[in-house]
PDB file of N, CA and C in Angstrom:
ATOM      1  N   MET A   1      -0.646 -59.698  41.051  1.00  0.00           N
ATOM      2  CA  MET A   1      -0.444 -60.391  39.781  1.00  0.00           C
ATOM      3  C   MET A   1      -1.797 -60.798  39.221  1.00  0.00           C
ATOM      4  N   ALA A   2      -2.088 -60.382  38.025  1.00  0.00           N
ATOM      5  CA  ALA A   2      -3.278 -60.843  37.315  1.00  0.00           C
ATOM      6  C   ALA A   2      -2.896 -62.126  36.583  1.00  0.00           C
ATOM      7  N   SER A   3      -3.650 -63.169  36.799  1.00  0.00           N
ATOM      8  CA  SER A   3      -3.315 -64.462  36.218  1.00  0.00           C
ATOM      9  C   SER A   3      -4.256 -64.831  35.091  1.00  0.00           C
ATOM     10  N   ARG A   4      -3.774 -65.700  34.230  1.00  0.00           N
ATOM     11  CA  ARG A   4      -4.546 -66.271  33.136  1.00  0.00           C
ATOM     12  C   ARG A   4      -4.352 -67.783  33.166  1.00  0.00           C
ATOM     13  N   ILE A   5      -5.313 -68.498  32.648  1.00  0.00           N
ATOM     14  CA  ILE A   5      -5.223 -69.947  32.522  1.00  0.00           C
ATOM     15  C   ILE A   5      -5.075 -70.230  31.033  1.00  0.00           C
ATOM     16  N   ILE A   6      -4.050 -70.989  30.664  1.00  0.00           N
ATOM     17  CA  ILE A   6      -3.863 -71.340  29.256  1.00  0.00           C
ATOM     18  C   ILE A   6      -3.852 -72.852  29.121  1.00  0.00           C
ATOM     19  N   TYR A   7      -4.332 -73.304  27.964  1.00  0.00           N
ATOM     20  CA  TYR A   7      -4.284 -74.737  27.667  1.00  0.00           C
ATOM     21  C   TYR A   7      -4.283 -74.920  26.149  1.00  0.00           C
ATOM     22  N   PRO A   8      -3.764 -76.066  25.670  1.00  0.00           N
ATOM     23  CA  PRO A   8      -3.715 -76.291  24.226  1.00  0.00           C
ATOM     24  C   PRO A   8      -5.099 -76.656  23.682  1.00  0.00           C
ATOM     25  N   THR A   9      -5.394 -76.172  22.494  1.00  0.00           N
ATOM     26  CA  THR A   9      -6.649 -76.530  21.842  1.00  0.00           C
ATOM     27  C   THR A   9      -6.431 -77.741  20.942  1.00  0.00           C
ATOM     28  N   ASP A  10      -7.503 -78.352  20.512  1.00  0.00           N
ATOM     29  CA  ASP A  10      -7.391 -79.537  19.665  1.00  0.00           C
ATOM     30  C   ASP A  10      -6.789 -79.240  18.302  1.00  0.00           C
ATOM     31  N   ASP A  11      -6.898 -77.996  17.844  1.00  0.00           N
ATOM     32  CA  ASP A  11      -6.350 -77.658  16.533  1.00  0.00           C
ATOM     33  C   ASP A  11      -4.921 -77.103  16.602  1.00  0.00           C
ATOM     34  N   GLY A  12      -4.291 -77.224  17.759  1.00  0.00           N
ATOM     35  CA  GLY A  12      -2.898 -76.801  17.902  1.00  0.00           C
ATOM     36  C   GLY A  12      -2.701 -75.390  18.410  1.00  0.00           C
ATOM     37  N   GLY A  13      -3.763 -74.681  18.689  1.00  0.00           N
ATOM     38  CA  GLY A  13      -3.659 -73.326  19.201  1.00  0.00           C
ATOM     39  C   GLY A  13      -3.577 -73.300  20.724  1.00  0.00           C
ATOM     40  N   VAL A  14      -3.770 -72.120  21.259  1.00  0.00           N
ATOM     41  CA  VAL A  14      -3.727 -71.931  22.706  1.00  0.00           C
ATOM     42  C   VAL A  14      -4.993 -71.184  23.134  1.00  0.00           C
ATOM     43  N   ALA A  15      -5.702 -71.754  24.097  1.00  0.00           N
ATOM     44  CA  ALA A  15      -6.866 -71.084  24.670  1.00  0.00           C
ATOM     45  C   ALA A  15      -6.413 -70.299  25.891  1.00  0.00           C
ATOM     46  N   VAL A  16      -6.991 -69.116  26.070  1.00  0.00           N
ATOM     47  CA  VAL A  16      -6.673 -68.265  27.208  1.00  0.00           C
ATOM     48  C   VAL A  16      -7.968 -67.972  27.961  1.00  0.00           C
ATOM     49  N   ILE A  17      -7.978 -68.331  29.242  1.00  0.00           N
ATOM     50  CA  ILE A  17      -9.119 -68.036  30.094  1.00  0.00           C
ATOM     51  C   ILE A  17      -8.732 -66.869  30.996  1.00  0.00           C
ATOM     52  N   ILE A  18      -9.573 -65.857  31.013  1.00  0.00           N
ATOM     53  CA  ILE A  18      -9.360 -64.713  31.896  1.00  0.00           C
ATOM     54  C   ILE A  18     -10.336 -64.882  33.060  1.00  0.00           C
ATOM     55  N   PRO A  19      -9.832 -65.319  34.214  1.00  0.00           N
ATOM     56  CA  PRO A  19     -10.733 -65.599  35.328  1.00  0.00           C
ATOM     57  C   PRO A  19     -11.241 -64.333  36.017  1.00  0.00           C
ATOM     58  N   VAL A  20     -12.436 -64.446  36.553  1.00  0.00           N
ATOM     59  CA  VAL A  20     -13.009 -63.390  37.374  1.00  0.00           C
ATOM     60  C   VAL A  20     -12.955 -63.907  38.805  1.00  0.00           C
ATOM     61  N   LEU A  21     -11.974 -63.447  39.545  1.00  0.00           N
ATOM     62  CA  LEU A  21     -11.742 -63.991  40.882  1.00  0.00           C
ATOM     63  C   LEU A  21     -12.815 -63.572  41.878  1.00  0.00           C
ATOM     64  N   GLU A  22     -13.584 -62.539  41.541  1.00  0.00           N
ATOM     65  CA  GLU A  22     -14.651 -62.100  42.429  1.00  0.00           C
ATOM     66  C   GLU A  22     -15.816 -63.083  42.460  1.00  0.00           C
ATOM     67  N   CYS A  23     -15.744 -64.161  41.676  1.00  0.00           N
ATOM     68  CA  CYS A  23     -16.824 -65.146  41.635  1.00  0.00           C
ATOM     69  C   CYS A  23     -16.816 -66.042  42.867  1.00  0.00           C
ATOM     70  N   GLY A  24     -15.785 -65.939  43.696  1.00  0.00           N
ATOM     71  CA  GLY A  24     -15.720 -66.736  44.919  1.00  0.00           C
ATOM     72  C   GLY A  24     -14.936 -68.022  44.779  1.00  0.00           C
ATOM     73  N   LEU A  25     -14.406 -68.299  43.581  1.00  0.00           N
ATOM     74  CA  LEU A  25     -13.591 -69.494  43.366  1.00  0.00           C
ATOM     75  C   LEU A  25     -12.121 -69.108  43.278  1.00  0.00           C
ATOM     76  N   THR A  26     -11.241 -70.032  43.630  1.00  0.00           N
ATOM     77  CA  THR A  26      -9.812 -69.805  43.420  1.00  0.00           C
ATOM     78  C   THR A  26      -9.515 -70.009  41.946  1.00  0.00           C
ATOM     79  N   ILE A  27      -8.356 -69.566  41.506  1.00  0.00           N
ATOM     80  CA  ILE A  27      -7.998 -69.745  40.098  1.00  0.00           C
ATOM     81  C   ILE A  27      -7.870 -71.235  39.762  1.00  0.00           C
ATOM     82  N   GLU A  28      -7.434 -72.035  40.728  1.00  0.00           N
ATOM     83  CA  GLU A  28      -7.332 -73.475  40.517  1.00  0.00           C
ATOM     84  C   GLU A  28      -8.723 -74.096  40.339  1.00  0.00           C
ATOM     85  N   GLN A  29      -9.691 -73.621  41.119  1.00  0.00           N
ATOM     86  CA  GLN A  29     -11.064 -74.119  40.987  1.00  0.00           C
ATOM     87  C   GLN A  29     -11.673 -73.710  39.643  1.00  0.00           C
ATOM     88  N   ILE A  30     -11.364 -72.513  39.200  1.00  0.00           N
ATOM     89  CA  ILE A  30     -11.850 -72.052  37.899  1.00  0.00           C
ATOM     90  C   ILE A  30     -11.257 -72.921  36.795  1.00  0.00           C
ATOM     91  N   ALA A  31      -9.957 -73.213  36.884  1.00  0.00           N
ATOM     92  CA  ALA A  31      -9.316 -74.070  35.881  1.00  0.00           C
ATOM     93  C   ALA A  31      -9.952 -75.455  35.881  1.00  0.00           C
ATOM     94  N   ALA A  32     -10.178 -76.029  37.056  1.00  0.00           N
ATOM     95  CA  ALA A  32     -10.783 -77.356  37.146  1.00  0.00           C
ATOM     96  C   ALA A  32     -12.178 -77.372  36.522  1.00  0.00           C
ATOM     97  N   LYS A  33     -12.885 -76.260  36.654  1.00  0.00           N
ATOM     98  CA  LYS A  33     -14.251 -76.157  36.134  1.00  0.00           C
ATOM     99  C   LYS A  33     -14.283 -75.882  34.634  1.00  0.00           C
ATOM    100  N   ASP A  34     -13.360 -75.049  34.136  1.00  0.00           N
ATOM    101  CA  ASP A  34     -13.469 -74.537  32.774  1.00  0.00           C
ATOM    102  C   ASP A  34     -12.526 -75.148  31.746  1.00  0.00           C
ATOM    103  N   VAL A  35     -11.425 -75.740  32.164  1.00  0.00           N
ATOM    104  CA  VAL A  35     -10.517 -76.386  31.217  1.00  0.00           C
ATOM    105  C   VAL A  35     -11.116 -77.752  30.875  1.00  0.00           C
ATOM    106  N   PRO A  36     -11.175 -78.095  29.583  1.00  0.00           N
ATOM    107  CA  PRO A  36     -11.750 -79.388  29.207  1.00  0.00           C
ATOM    108  C   PRO A  36     -11.022 -80.558  29.900  1.00  0.00           C
ATOM    109  N   ALA A  37     -11.788 -81.571  30.238  1.00  0.00           N
ATOM    110  CA  ALA A  37     -11.236 -82.753  30.917  1.00  0.00           C
ATOM    111  C   ALA A  37     -10.086 -83.349  30.113  1.00  0.00           C
ATOM    112  N   GLY A  38      -9.010 -83.672  30.814  1.00  0.00           N
ATOM    113  CA  GLY A  38      -7.851 -84.298  30.183  1.00  0.00           C
ATOM    114  C   GLY A  38      -6.850 -83.339  29.583  1.00  0.00           C
ATOM    115  N   LYS A  39      -7.157 -82.054  29.559  1.00  0.00           N
ATOM    116  CA  LYS A  39      -6.228 -81.066  28.997  1.00  0.00           C
ATOM    117  C   LYS A  39      -5.272 -80.579  30.082  1.00  0.00           C
ATOM    118  N   ALA A  40      -3.996 -80.521  29.726  1.00  0.00           N
ATOM    119  CA  ALA A  40      -3.013 -79.906  30.619  1.00  0.00           C
ATOM    120  C   ALA A  40      -3.239 -78.403  30.577  1.00  0.00           C
ATOM    121  N   PHE A  41      -2.933 -77.727  31.658  1.00  0.00           N
ATOM    122  CA  PHE A  41      -3.078 -76.272  31.674  1.00  0.00           C
ATOM    123  C   PHE A  41      -1.986 -75.668  32.532  1.00  0.00           C
ATOM    124  N   LYS A  42      -1.797 -74.372  32.353  1.00  0.00           N
ATOM    125  CA  LYS A  42      -0.856 -73.601  33.164  1.00  0.00           C
ATOM    126  C   LYS A  42      -1.562 -72.346  33.630  1.00  0.00           C
ATOM    127  N   ILE A  43      -1.170 -71.893  34.798  1.00  0.00           N
ATOM    128  CA  ILE A  43      -1.595 -70.591  35.298  1.00  0.00           C
ATOM    129  C   ILE A  43      -0.390 -69.681  35.131  1.00  0.00           C
ATOM    130  N   VAL A  44      -0.563 -68.624  34.339  1.00  0.00           N
ATOM    131  CA  VAL A  44       0.546 -67.734  34.013  1.00  0.00           C
ATOM    132  C   VAL A  44       0.183 -66.299  34.364  1.00  0.00           C
ATOM    133  N   ASP A  45       1.191 -65.472  34.487  1.00  0.00           N
ATOM    134  CA  ASP A  45       0.989 -64.043  34.717  1.00  0.00           C
ATOM    135  C   ASP A  45       0.443 -63.418  33.432  1.00  0.00           C
ATOM    136  N   SER A  46      -0.480 -62.519  33.551  1.00  0.00           N
ATOM    137  CA  SER A  46      -1.062 -61.886  32.365  1.00  0.00           C
ATOM    138  C   SER A  46      -0.008 -61.169  31.524  1.00  0.00           C
ATOM    139  N   ALA A  47       1.084 -60.733  32.148  1.00  0.00           N
ATOM    140  CA  ALA A  47       2.155 -60.063  31.402  1.00  0.00           C
ATOM    141  C   ALA A  47       2.859 -61.017  30.435  1.00  0.00           C
ATOM    142  N   ASP A  48       2.700 -62.328  30.653  1.00  0.00           N
ATOM    143  CA  ASP A  48       3.318 -63.318  29.766  1.00  0.00           C
ATOM    144  C   ASP A  48       2.490 -63.583  28.512  1.00  0.00           C
ATOM    145  N   ILE A  49       1.286 -63.038  28.452  1.00  0.00           N
ATOM    146  CA  ILE A  49       0.416 -63.204  27.286  1.00  0.00           C
ATOM    147  C   ILE A  49       0.645 -62.005  26.366  1.00  0.00           C
ATOM    148  N   PRO A  50       1.022 -62.255  25.097  1.00  0.00           N
ATOM    149  CA  PRO A  50       1.247 -61.129  24.181  1.00  0.00           C
ATOM    150  C   PRO A  50      -0.003 -60.264  24.044  1.00  0.00           C
ATOM    151  N   THR A  51       0.176 -58.966  23.996  1.00  0.00           N
ATOM    152  CA  THR A  51      -0.950 -58.064  23.817  1.00  0.00           C
ATOM    153  C   THR A  51      -1.283 -57.878  22.337  1.00  0.00           C
ATOM    154  N   ASP A  52      -0.316 -58.110  21.469  1.00  0.00           N
ATOM    155  CA  ASP A  52      -0.530 -58.018  20.024  1.00  0.00           C
ATOM    156  C   ASP A  52      -1.133 -59.346  19.555  1.00  0.00           C
ATOM    157  N   ARG A  53      -2.382 -59.305  19.113  1.00  0.00           N
ATOM    158  CA  ARG A  53      -3.076 -60.520  18.708  1.00  0.00           C
ATOM    159  C   ARG A  53      -2.872 -60.860  17.226  1.00  0.00           C
ATOM    160  N   THR A  54      -2.017 -60.109  16.526  1.00  0.00           N
ATOM    161  CA  THR A  54      -1.802 -60.318  15.097  1.00  0.00           C
ATOM    162  C   THR A  54      -1.419 -61.758  14.781  1.00  0.00           C
ATOM    163  N   PHE A  55      -0.532 -62.325  15.563  1.00  0.00           N
ATOM    164  CA  PHE A  55      -0.040 -63.675  15.299  1.00  0.00           C
ATOM    165  C   PHE A  55      -0.581 -64.691  16.311  1.00  0.00           C
ATOM    166  N   ARG A  56      -1.763 -64.423  16.848  1.00  0.00           N
ATOM    167  CA  ARG A  56      -2.320 -65.305  17.874  1.00  0.00           C
ATOM    168  C   ARG A  56      -2.447 -66.749  17.390  1.00  0.00           C
ATOM    169  N   ALA A  57      -2.746 -66.962  16.137  1.00  0.00           N
ATOM    170  CA  ALA A  57      -2.870 -68.313  15.604  1.00  0.00           C
ATOM    171  C   ALA A  57      -1.546 -69.068  15.634  1.00  0.00           C
ATOM    172  N   ALA A  58      -0.443 -68.358  15.801  1.00  0.00           N
ATOM    173  CA  ALA A  58       0.870 -69.000  15.836  1.00  0.00           C
ATOM    174  C   ALA A  58       1.352 -69.287  17.261  1.00  0.00           C
ATOM    175  N   TRP A  59       0.579 -68.868  18.276  1.00  0.00           N
ATOM    176  CA  TRP A  59       0.982 -69.133  19.650  1.00  0.00           C
ATOM    177  C   TRP A  59       1.036 -70.629  19.883  1.00  0.00           C
ATOM    178  N   GLU A  60       1.975 -71.077  20.717  1.00  0.00           N
ATOM    179  CA  GLU A  60       2.119 -72.493  21.023  1.00  0.00           C
ATOM    180  C   GLU A  60       2.108 -72.696  22.537  1.00  0.00           C
ATOM    181  N   TYR A  61       1.569 -73.825  22.957  1.00  0.00           N
ATOM    182  CA  TYR A  61       1.553 -74.200  24.356  1.00  0.00           C
ATOM    183  C   TYR A  61       2.647 -75.234  24.568  1.00  0.00           C
ATOM    184  N   THR A  62       3.506 -74.997  25.533  1.00  0.00           N
ATOM    185  CA  THR A  62       4.522 -75.986  25.878  1.00  0.00           C
ATOM    186  C   THR A  62       4.402 -76.294  27.347  1.00  0.00           C
ATOM    187  N   ALA A  63       4.505 -77.557  27.673  1.00  0.00           N
ATOM    188  CA  ALA A  63       4.364 -77.997  29.062  1.00  0.00           C
ATOM    189  C   ALA A  63       5.571 -77.631  29.889  1.00  0.00           C
TER     190      ALA A  63
END
């Protein structure tokens, strides 16, 4: 499973982090390092991220 880290942005969008696991960190460590402090995040399967970026501005993050 290829995973992605998602979190809500301040303007209401969704940020997607594509981790490089070969860096020696776990995906949880990458999230702790790269997600802004105080932001909720989810680790999701890459298949759950739409490949069509046409409506990316309309994506929503739900806890």
